[in-house]
N, C-alpha and C. Protein backbone atom coordinates (compact mmCIF):
# COMPACT_ATOMS: atom_id res chain seq x y z
N UNK A 1 0.83 -1.26 0.03
CA UNK A 1 0.01 -0.03 -0.05
C UNK A 1 0.77 1.31 0.03
N UNK A 2 0.63 2.16 -0.90
CA UNK A 2 1.28 3.39 -0.92
C UNK A 2 0.55 4.37 0.07
N UNK A 3 1.39 5.09 0.83
CA UNK A 3 0.72 6.15 1.51
C UNK A 3 1.65 7.44 1.41
N UNK A 4 0.97 8.48 1.76
CA UNK A 4 1.63 9.71 1.85
C UNK A 4 1.18 10.72 2.98
N UNK A 5 1.87 11.53 3.33
CA UNK A 5 1.54 12.46 4.54
C UNK A 5 1.12 13.74 3.90
N UNK A 6 0.04 14.32 4.20
CA UNK A 6 -0.67 15.56 3.94
C UNK A 6 -0.86 16.33 4.97
N UNK A 7 -1.13 17.73 4.97
CA UNK A 7 -1.51 18.49 5.87
C UNK A 7 -2.88 18.63 6.02
N UNK A 8 -3.41 18.62 7.27
CA UNK A 8 -4.93 18.69 7.34
C UNK A 8 -5.59 19.76 6.65
N UNK A 9 -6.83 19.70 6.27
CA UNK A 9 -7.55 20.75 5.64
C UNK A 9 -9.13 20.31 5.71
N UNK A 10 -10.04 21.34 5.37
CA UNK A 10 -11.33 21.14 5.56
C UNK A 10 -11.82 19.88 4.81
N UNK A 11 -11.08 19.67 3.75
CA UNK A 11 -11.37 18.31 2.72
C UNK A 11 -11.29 17.14 3.57
N UNK A 12 -10.66 17.08 4.74
CA UNK A 12 -10.53 15.83 5.45
C UNK A 12 -11.56 15.78 6.74
N UNK A 13 -12.26 16.82 6.65
CA UNK A 13 -13.16 16.93 8.03
C UNK A 13 -13.95 15.55 8.37
N UNK A 14 -14.67 15.12 7.47
CA UNK A 14 -15.36 13.80 7.60
C UNK A 14 -14.59 12.76 7.88
N UNK A 15 -13.42 12.59 7.21
CA UNK A 15 -12.49 11.54 7.29
C UNK A 15 -11.95 11.55 8.86
N UNK A 16 -11.56 12.88 9.27
CA UNK A 16 -10.94 12.89 10.61
C UNK A 16 -11.85 12.52 11.70
N UNK A 17 -13.24 12.74 11.56
CA UNK A 17 -14.07 12.43 12.65
C UNK A 17 -14.50 10.81 12.51
N UNK A 18 -14.47 10.31 11.41
CA UNK A 18 -14.69 8.85 11.34
C UNK A 18 -13.28 8.11 11.83
N UNK A 19 -12.31 8.68 11.71
CA UNK A 19 -10.85 8.24 12.26
C UNK A 19 -11.05 8.14 13.83
N UNK A 20 -11.58 9.33 14.26
CA UNK A 20 -11.76 9.63 15.72
C UNK A 20 -12.68 8.41 16.34
N UNK A 21 -13.87 8.28 15.65
CA UNK A 21 -14.91 7.41 15.94
C UNK A 21 -14.29 6.03 16.04
N UNK A 22 -13.52 5.59 15.09
CA UNK A 22 -12.78 4.27 14.98
C UNK A 22 -12.00 4.06 16.20
N UNK A 23 -11.45 4.94 16.70
CA UNK A 23 -10.39 4.82 18.04
C UNK A 23 -11.26 4.72 19.18
N UNK A 24 -12.45 5.63 19.24
CA UNK A 24 -13.38 5.58 20.54
C UNK A 24 -13.88 4.07 20.45
N UNK A 25 -14.50 3.78 19.27
CA UNK A 25 -15.20 2.41 19.37
C UNK A 25 -14.06 1.11 19.70
N UNK A 26 -12.83 1.27 19.31
CA UNK A 26 -12.04 0.18 19.62
C UNK A 26 -11.21 0.58 20.94
N UNK A 27 -11.54 1.55 21.62
CA UNK A 27 -10.78 1.83 22.84
C UNK A 27 -9.39 1.90 22.82
N UNK A 28 -8.96 2.48 21.62
CA UNK A 28 -7.39 2.67 21.42
C UNK A 28 -7.01 4.06 21.55
N UNK A 29 -5.83 4.17 22.07
CA UNK A 29 -5.09 5.52 22.18
C UNK A 29 -4.80 6.20 20.71
N UNK A 30 -5.29 7.41 20.69
CA UNK A 30 -5.30 8.13 19.41
C UNK A 30 -3.74 9.12 19.34
N UNK A 31 -2.67 8.36 19.35
CA UNK A 31 -1.46 9.16 19.59
C UNK A 31 -1.13 9.72 18.12
N UNK A 32 -0.46 10.97 18.20
CA UNK A 32 -0.05 11.73 17.13
C UNK A 32 -1.16 12.45 16.54
N UNK A 33 -2.36 12.75 17.06
CA UNK A 33 -3.40 13.39 16.46
C UNK A 33 -3.69 14.82 16.89
N UNK A 34 -2.76 15.44 17.56
CA UNK A 34 -2.92 16.76 17.91
C UNK A 34 -4.16 17.00 18.68
N UNK A 35 -4.44 16.19 19.49
CA UNK A 35 -5.74 16.53 20.42
C UNK A 35 -7.09 16.12 19.77
N UNK A 36 -7.14 15.44 18.75
CA UNK A 36 -8.28 15.24 17.87
C UNK A 36 -9.40 14.45 19.01
N UNK A 37 -8.95 13.65 19.82
CA UNK A 37 -9.73 12.94 20.79
C UNK A 37 -10.52 13.93 21.51
N UNK A 38 -10.08 15.24 21.89
CA UNK A 38 -10.79 16.00 22.80
C UNK A 38 -11.74 17.03 21.89
N UNK A 39 -11.46 17.17 20.65
CA UNK A 39 -12.13 18.19 19.86
C UNK A 39 -13.59 17.81 19.49
N UNK A 40 -14.16 18.76 19.65
CA UNK A 40 -15.82 18.65 19.44
C UNK A 40 -16.11 18.80 18.10
N UNK A 41 -15.45 19.69 17.36
CA UNK A 41 -15.65 20.13 15.94
C UNK A 41 -14.42 20.23 15.20
N UNK A 42 -14.40 20.18 13.86
CA UNK A 42 -13.26 20.07 13.18
C UNK A 42 -12.51 21.55 13.19
N UNK A 43 -13.36 22.63 13.32
CA UNK A 43 -12.94 24.06 13.32
C UNK A 43 -12.16 24.09 14.65
N UNK A 44 -12.75 23.62 15.73
CA UNK A 44 -11.89 23.60 17.11
C UNK A 44 -10.72 22.91 16.97
N UNK A 45 -10.71 21.74 16.36
CA UNK A 45 -9.43 21.02 16.30
C UNK A 45 -8.40 21.67 15.32
N UNK A 46 -8.73 22.06 14.19
CA UNK A 46 -8.05 22.74 13.29
C UNK A 46 -7.33 24.07 13.76
N UNK A 47 -8.07 24.84 14.48
CA UNK A 47 -7.46 26.06 15.20
C UNK A 47 -6.29 25.56 16.18
N UNK A 48 -6.54 24.56 17.10
CA UNK A 48 -5.42 24.22 17.90
C UNK A 48 -4.27 23.71 16.74
N UNK A 49 -4.59 22.93 15.85
CA UNK A 49 -3.48 22.36 14.91
C UNK A 49 -2.65 23.49 14.50
N UNK A 50 -3.50 24.41 13.76
CA UNK A 50 -2.72 25.74 13.46
C UNK A 50 -1.93 26.51 14.31
N UNK A 51 -2.60 26.65 15.37
CA UNK A 51 -1.75 27.51 16.41
C UNK A 51 -0.42 26.64 16.75
N UNK A 52 -0.44 25.30 16.95
CA UNK A 52 0.70 24.58 17.43
C UNK A 52 1.78 24.30 16.25
N UNK A 53 1.69 25.04 15.18
CA UNK A 53 2.60 25.04 14.14
C UNK A 53 3.83 25.86 14.53
N UNK A 54 3.60 26.91 15.22
CA UNK A 54 4.70 28.09 15.52
C UNK A 54 4.97 28.40 16.86
N UNK A 55 6.20 28.64 17.17
CA UNK A 55 6.64 29.00 18.65
C UNK A 55 5.66 30.10 18.99
N UNK A 56 5.45 30.98 18.32
CA UNK A 56 4.69 32.28 18.89
C UNK A 56 3.16 32.09 19.22
N UNK A 57 2.65 30.92 18.45
CA UNK A 57 1.31 30.81 18.84
C UNK A 57 0.73 29.41 19.52
N UNK A 58 2.01 28.70 19.72
CA UNK A 58 1.77 27.40 20.39
C UNK A 58 0.95 27.37 21.71
N UNK A 59 0.07 26.41 21.92
CA UNK A 59 -0.87 26.47 22.93
C UNK A 59 0.09 26.31 24.32
N UNK A 60 -0.65 26.64 25.48
CA UNK A 60 0.05 26.60 26.81
C UNK A 60 0.44 25.10 27.05
N UNK A 61 1.83 24.72 27.43
CA UNK A 61 2.06 23.61 27.92
C UNK A 61 2.36 22.64 26.84
N UNK A 62 2.37 23.10 25.63
CA UNK A 62 2.79 22.25 24.47
C UNK A 62 3.91 22.84 23.67
N UNK A 63 4.53 22.02 22.74
CA UNK A 63 5.82 22.53 21.97
C UNK A 63 5.27 22.59 20.50
N UNK A 64 5.77 23.57 19.78
CA UNK A 64 5.38 23.48 18.22
C UNK A 64 5.51 22.16 17.65
N UNK A 65 4.49 21.77 16.72
CA UNK A 65 4.40 20.66 16.33
C UNK A 65 3.75 20.83 15.10
N UNK A 66 3.98 19.70 14.18
CA UNK A 66 3.32 19.51 12.73
C UNK A 66 2.69 18.13 12.82
N UNK A 67 1.21 18.07 12.60
CA UNK A 67 0.58 17.03 12.60
C UNK A 67 0.18 16.76 11.13
N UNK A 68 0.65 15.64 10.66
CA UNK A 68 0.09 15.03 9.25
C UNK A 68 -0.83 13.95 9.34
N UNK A 69 -1.73 13.89 8.18
CA UNK A 69 -2.50 12.94 7.92
C UNK A 69 -1.80 11.86 7.03
N UNK A 70 -1.96 10.71 7.40
CA UNK A 70 -1.36 9.55 6.38
C UNK A 70 -2.62 9.00 5.60
N UNK A 71 -2.42 9.42 4.22
CA UNK A 71 -3.53 8.86 3.34
C UNK A 71 -3.15 7.84 2.35
N UNK A 72 -3.99 6.79 2.07
CA UNK A 72 -3.45 5.96 0.86
C UNK A 72 -3.77 6.38 -0.29
N UNK A 73 -3.57 5.51 -1.38
CA UNK A 73 -3.75 6.01 -2.75
C UNK A 73 -5.32 6.40 -3.11
N UNK A 74 -6.22 5.90 -2.19
CA UNK A 74 -7.74 6.24 -2.44
C UNK A 74 -7.89 7.52 -1.62
N UNK A 75 -6.86 8.20 -0.98
CA UNK A 75 -7.21 9.23 -0.09
C UNK A 75 -7.79 9.14 1.10
N UNK A 76 -7.87 7.99 1.58
CA UNK A 76 -8.49 7.32 2.67
C UNK A 76 -7.63 7.72 3.73
N UNK A 77 -8.09 8.17 5.01
CA UNK A 77 -7.33 8.46 6.15
C UNK A 77 -6.77 7.13 6.91
N UNK A 78 -5.62 6.67 7.02
CA UNK A 78 -5.31 5.43 7.48
C UNK A 78 -4.44 5.53 8.95
N UNK A 79 -3.93 6.90 9.03
CA UNK A 79 -3.20 7.27 10.19
C UNK A 79 -2.85 8.62 10.32
N UNK A 80 -2.24 8.79 11.53
CA UNK A 80 -1.79 10.31 11.74
C UNK A 80 -0.41 10.26 12.56
N UNK A 81 0.23 11.31 12.26
CA UNK A 81 1.58 11.47 12.79
C UNK A 81 2.05 12.73 13.05
N UNK A 82 2.51 12.97 14.25
CA UNK A 82 2.96 14.29 14.80
C UNK A 82 4.30 14.41 15.08
N UNK A 83 4.98 15.51 14.69
CA UNK A 83 6.31 15.83 14.72
C UNK A 83 6.53 17.01 15.67
N UNK A 84 7.02 16.82 16.87
CA UNK A 84 7.30 17.99 17.68
C UNK A 84 8.62 18.55 17.34
N UNK A 85 8.58 19.93 17.21
CA UNK A 85 9.70 20.72 16.61
C UNK A 85 11.15 20.45 17.74
N UNK A 86 10.54 20.58 18.94
CA UNK A 86 11.59 20.50 20.02
C UNK A 86 11.06 19.81 21.08
N UNK A 87 11.90 19.49 22.13
CA UNK A 87 11.39 18.61 23.23
C UNK A 87 11.37 19.47 24.64
N UNK A 88 10.27 19.38 25.42
CA UNK A 88 10.49 19.84 26.80
C UNK A 88 10.77 18.70 27.63
N UNK A 89 10.75 18.85 28.95
CA UNK A 89 11.25 17.93 29.85
C UNK A 89 10.41 16.45 29.66
N UNK A 90 9.24 16.69 29.59
CA UNK A 90 8.41 15.54 29.56
C UNK A 90 8.61 14.70 28.44
N UNK A 91 8.59 15.56 27.30
CA UNK A 91 8.73 14.83 26.00
C UNK A 91 10.11 14.19 25.97
N UNK A 92 11.10 14.85 26.47
CA UNK A 92 12.54 14.01 26.49
C UNK A 92 12.32 12.56 27.30
N UNK A 93 11.52 12.43 28.15
CA UNK A 93 11.55 11.21 28.82
C UNK A 93 10.41 10.29 28.35
N UNK A 94 9.25 10.87 27.74
CA UNK A 94 8.08 9.96 27.90
C UNK A 94 7.35 10.23 26.33
N UNK A 95 7.70 11.18 25.72
CA UNK A 95 6.82 11.33 24.39
C UNK A 95 7.68 11.40 23.09
N UNK A 96 8.71 11.88 23.21
CA UNK A 96 9.63 12.05 22.00
C UNK A 96 9.26 13.16 21.00
N UNK A 97 10.01 13.06 19.81
CA UNK A 97 9.71 14.08 18.65
C UNK A 97 8.54 13.53 18.04
N UNK A 98 8.13 12.22 17.95
CA UNK A 98 7.10 11.85 16.92
C UNK A 98 6.10 10.92 17.80
N UNK A 99 4.93 11.29 17.71
CA UNK A 99 3.73 10.32 17.98
C UNK A 99 2.98 9.77 16.85
N UNK A 100 2.38 8.66 16.77
CA UNK A 100 1.58 8.36 15.46
C UNK A 100 0.41 7.33 15.96
N UNK A 101 -0.29 7.07 15.05
CA UNK A 101 -1.40 6.03 15.19
C UNK A 101 -1.74 5.53 13.99
N UNK A 102 -2.46 4.43 13.78
CA UNK A 102 -3.04 3.82 12.57
C UNK A 102 -4.36 3.35 13.01
N UNK A 103 -5.23 3.45 12.04
CA UNK A 103 -6.68 3.03 12.43
C UNK A 103 -6.50 1.27 12.63
N UNK A 104 -7.33 0.77 13.14
CA UNK A 104 -7.39 -0.79 13.63
C UNK A 104 -7.33 -1.66 12.32
N UNK A 105 -8.06 -1.41 11.45
CA UNK A 105 -8.41 -2.06 10.22
C UNK A 105 -7.14 -2.05 9.35
N UNK A 106 -6.32 -1.02 9.58
CA UNK A 106 -5.22 -0.91 8.73
C UNK A 106 -3.78 -1.38 9.36
N UNK A 107 -3.92 -1.86 10.64
CA UNK A 107 -2.61 -2.13 11.28
C UNK A 107 -1.89 -3.47 10.82
N UNK A 108 -0.79 -3.67 11.06
CA UNK A 108 0.06 -4.98 10.76
C UNK A 108 0.30 -5.12 9.25
N UNK A 109 0.05 -3.77 8.57
CA UNK A 109 0.38 -3.80 7.20
C UNK A 109 1.60 -3.08 6.80
N UNK A 110 2.34 -2.71 7.78
CA UNK A 110 3.58 -1.74 7.42
C UNK A 110 3.28 -0.27 7.45
N UNK A 111 2.11 0.17 7.52
CA UNK A 111 1.71 1.48 7.34
C UNK A 111 2.49 2.34 8.52
N UNK A 112 2.73 2.00 9.68
CA UNK A 112 3.29 2.90 10.68
C UNK A 112 4.70 2.98 10.31
N UNK A 113 5.27 1.90 9.87
CA UNK A 113 6.67 2.00 9.40
C UNK A 113 7.04 3.06 8.35
N UNK A 114 6.09 2.85 7.33
CA UNK A 114 6.17 3.81 6.15
C UNK A 114 5.79 5.30 6.68
N UNK A 115 4.87 5.60 7.54
CA UNK A 115 4.65 6.86 8.01
C UNK A 115 5.79 7.38 8.84
N UNK A 116 6.53 6.62 9.52
CA UNK A 116 7.64 7.12 10.18
C UNK A 116 8.67 7.32 9.46
N UNK A 117 8.85 6.74 8.50
CA UNK A 117 10.05 6.90 7.39
C UNK A 117 9.74 8.22 6.77
N UNK A 118 8.33 8.49 6.50
CA UNK A 118 8.13 9.67 5.89
C UNK A 118 8.16 10.92 6.66
N UNK A 119 7.92 10.67 8.03
CA UNK A 119 7.91 11.71 9.13
C UNK A 119 9.54 12.08 9.41
N UNK A 120 10.19 10.94 9.28
CA UNK A 120 11.85 11.41 9.31
C UNK A 120 12.44 12.24 8.34
N UNK A 121 11.77 12.17 6.96
CA UNK A 121 12.19 13.01 6.05
C UNK A 121 11.76 14.45 6.43
N UNK A 122 10.64 14.68 6.95
CA UNK A 122 10.00 15.97 7.43
C UNK A 122 11.08 16.42 8.66
N UNK A 123 11.43 15.69 9.44
CA UNK A 123 12.37 16.02 10.54
C UNK A 123 13.60 16.65 9.87
N UNK A 124 14.06 15.99 8.83
CA UNK A 124 15.64 16.49 8.28
C UNK A 124 15.12 17.97 7.73
N UNK A 125 14.02 18.30 7.21
CA UNK A 125 13.54 19.43 6.60
C UNK A 125 13.52 20.53 7.71
N UNK A 126 13.05 19.97 9.01
CA UNK A 126 12.86 20.90 10.13
C UNK A 126 14.15 21.03 10.80
N UNK A 127 15.20 20.41 10.42
CA UNK A 127 16.69 20.57 11.03
C UNK A 127 16.80 19.57 12.28
N UNK A 128 15.92 18.57 12.45
CA UNK A 128 16.02 17.74 13.52
C UNK A 128 16.68 16.44 13.13
N UNK A 129 17.98 16.37 13.48
CA UNK A 129 18.90 15.26 12.87
C UNK A 129 19.08 13.92 13.93
N UNK A 130 18.77 14.27 15.22
CA UNK A 130 18.61 13.17 16.16
C UNK A 130 17.24 13.09 16.73
N UNK A 131 16.41 12.06 16.37
CA UNK A 131 15.19 12.04 16.66
C UNK A 131 14.97 11.09 17.72
N UNK A 132 14.20 11.42 18.75
CA UNK A 132 13.59 10.59 19.94
C UNK A 132 12.20 10.20 19.65
N UNK A 133 12.15 8.85 19.66
CA UNK A 133 10.77 8.23 19.36
C UNK A 133 10.60 7.18 20.65
N UNK A 134 9.48 7.31 21.16
CA UNK A 134 9.28 6.41 22.33
C UNK A 134 8.00 5.41 22.18
N UNK A 135 8.02 4.47 22.97
CA UNK A 135 6.75 3.51 22.96
C UNK A 135 6.65 2.89 24.40
N UNK A 136 5.55 2.67 24.62
CA UNK A 136 5.34 1.67 25.84
C UNK A 136 6.03 0.15 25.58
N UNK A 137 6.57 -0.24 26.49
CA UNK A 137 7.31 -1.56 26.19
C UNK A 137 6.39 -2.78 25.92
N UNK A 138 5.20 -2.38 26.18
CA UNK A 138 4.14 -3.46 25.95
C UNK A 138 3.69 -3.44 24.28
N UNK A 139 4.08 -2.31 23.65
CA UNK A 139 3.46 -2.08 22.36
C UNK A 139 4.69 -2.51 21.54
N UNK A 140 4.72 -3.89 21.21
CA UNK A 140 5.83 -4.67 20.42
C UNK A 140 5.74 -4.11 18.99
N UNK A 141 4.58 -3.76 18.54
CA UNK A 141 4.48 -3.31 16.95
C UNK A 141 5.13 -1.91 16.99
N UNK A 142 4.92 -1.35 17.92
CA UNK A 142 5.38 0.10 17.80
C UNK A 142 6.92 0.03 17.80
N UNK A 143 7.57 -0.85 18.70
CA UNK A 143 9.05 -0.90 19.02
C UNK A 143 9.61 -1.41 17.65
N UNK A 144 8.82 -2.32 16.92
CA UNK A 144 9.40 -2.89 15.53
C UNK A 144 9.40 -1.79 14.47
N UNK A 145 8.29 -0.93 14.54
CA UNK A 145 8.27 0.35 13.80
C UNK A 145 9.30 1.17 13.81
N UNK A 146 9.77 1.55 15.16
CA UNK A 146 10.95 2.24 15.53
C UNK A 146 12.36 1.59 14.95
N UNK A 147 12.39 0.43 15.32
CA UNK A 147 13.65 -0.35 14.95
C UNK A 147 13.83 -0.57 13.40
N UNK A 148 12.46 -0.66 12.77
CA UNK A 148 12.82 -0.81 11.23
C UNK A 148 13.24 0.48 10.76
N UNK A 149 13.01 1.56 11.37
CA UNK A 149 13.39 3.04 10.93
C UNK A 149 14.80 3.32 11.39
N UNK A 150 15.57 2.26 12.18
CA UNK A 150 16.87 2.68 12.59
C UNK A 150 16.96 3.15 14.02
N UNK A 151 15.88 2.77 14.75
CA UNK A 151 15.91 3.33 16.05
C UNK A 151 16.66 2.44 16.97
N UNK A 152 17.43 3.01 17.92
CA UNK A 152 18.46 2.30 18.87
C UNK A 152 18.00 2.68 20.27
N UNK A 153 17.60 1.45 20.89
CA UNK A 153 17.23 1.70 22.18
C UNK A 153 18.28 2.23 23.27
N UNK A 154 17.82 3.49 23.82
CA UNK A 154 18.72 4.09 25.05
C UNK A 154 18.54 3.50 26.17
N UNK A 155 17.20 3.69 26.79
CA UNK A 155 16.81 3.01 27.97
C UNK A 155 15.45 3.05 28.12
N UNK A 156 15.00 2.50 29.22
CA UNK A 156 13.50 2.35 29.50
C UNK A 156 13.39 3.16 30.80
N UNK A 157 12.26 3.80 30.94
CA UNK A 157 11.80 4.61 32.00
C UNK A 157 10.46 4.29 32.67
N UNK A 158 10.40 3.86 33.78
CA UNK A 158 9.13 3.48 34.44
C UNK A 158 8.32 4.67 34.81
N UNK A 159 6.98 4.59 34.59
CA UNK A 159 6.07 5.67 34.69
C UNK A 159 4.73 5.00 35.18
N UNK A 160 4.44 5.06 36.63
CA UNK A 160 3.20 4.50 37.12
C UNK A 160 3.32 2.94 36.83
N UNK A 161 2.25 2.63 36.04
CA UNK A 161 2.18 0.95 35.88
C UNK A 161 2.96 0.54 34.37
N UNK A 162 3.58 1.53 33.79
CA UNK A 162 3.96 1.14 32.34
C UNK A 162 5.64 1.54 32.37
N UNK A 163 6.10 1.07 31.26
CA UNK A 163 7.70 1.36 31.06
C UNK A 163 7.65 1.76 29.70
N UNK A 164 8.42 3.18 29.62
CA UNK A 164 8.32 3.61 28.37
C UNK A 164 9.89 3.53 27.80
N UNK A 165 9.90 3.04 26.65
CA UNK A 165 11.20 2.61 25.93
C UNK A 165 11.56 3.89 24.96
N UNK A 166 12.71 4.48 25.11
CA UNK A 166 13.32 5.42 24.36
C UNK A 166 14.31 5.18 23.38
N UNK A 167 14.06 5.40 22.12
CA UNK A 167 14.76 5.10 21.00
C UNK A 167 15.22 6.29 20.42
N UNK A 168 16.37 6.39 19.88
CA UNK A 168 17.18 7.41 19.23
C UNK A 168 17.30 6.96 17.57
N UNK A 169 16.91 7.84 16.69
CA UNK A 169 17.27 7.65 15.32
C UNK A 169 18.16 8.83 14.98
N UNK A 170 19.25 8.55 14.29
CA UNK A 170 20.27 9.48 13.80
C UNK A 170 19.98 9.73 12.37
N UNK A 171 19.77 10.66 11.96
CA UNK A 171 19.60 11.15 10.30
C UNK A 171 20.93 11.44 9.63
């Protein structure tokens, strides 16, 4: 399956909320979606997405980030991926530069690996050449995605009931 990363626009409004509904229905974590899980409307979500693109308008408590939609050859939304332009203390330990998710029906098809590879190209353009990507130790699929893109495990950090694995990818 071919995928590409595109920036959000009103054209994806319905697809974004179907994506959100899929995650809610399956009880999955909607990582890399720029807060889509909390948005009541596309306009509300898009305003946050747009504000978070720039250091001068980023919302309180967040860092500048660019969130992309991963679409297939039919322009169906199969995943979302968020690139944080810099790290704060929390992201340095638990969130990393990149967060992503893939809808349940499209998992185990290599989509996350392709998404991460495309996001790493975007990191180069942003001047980020040492990229931190993290995942829960229990998320073996995500660990494989990161390793398939050159991720080297630096360490594991316990947080409450889980353990976060921290991988570095040098571009």
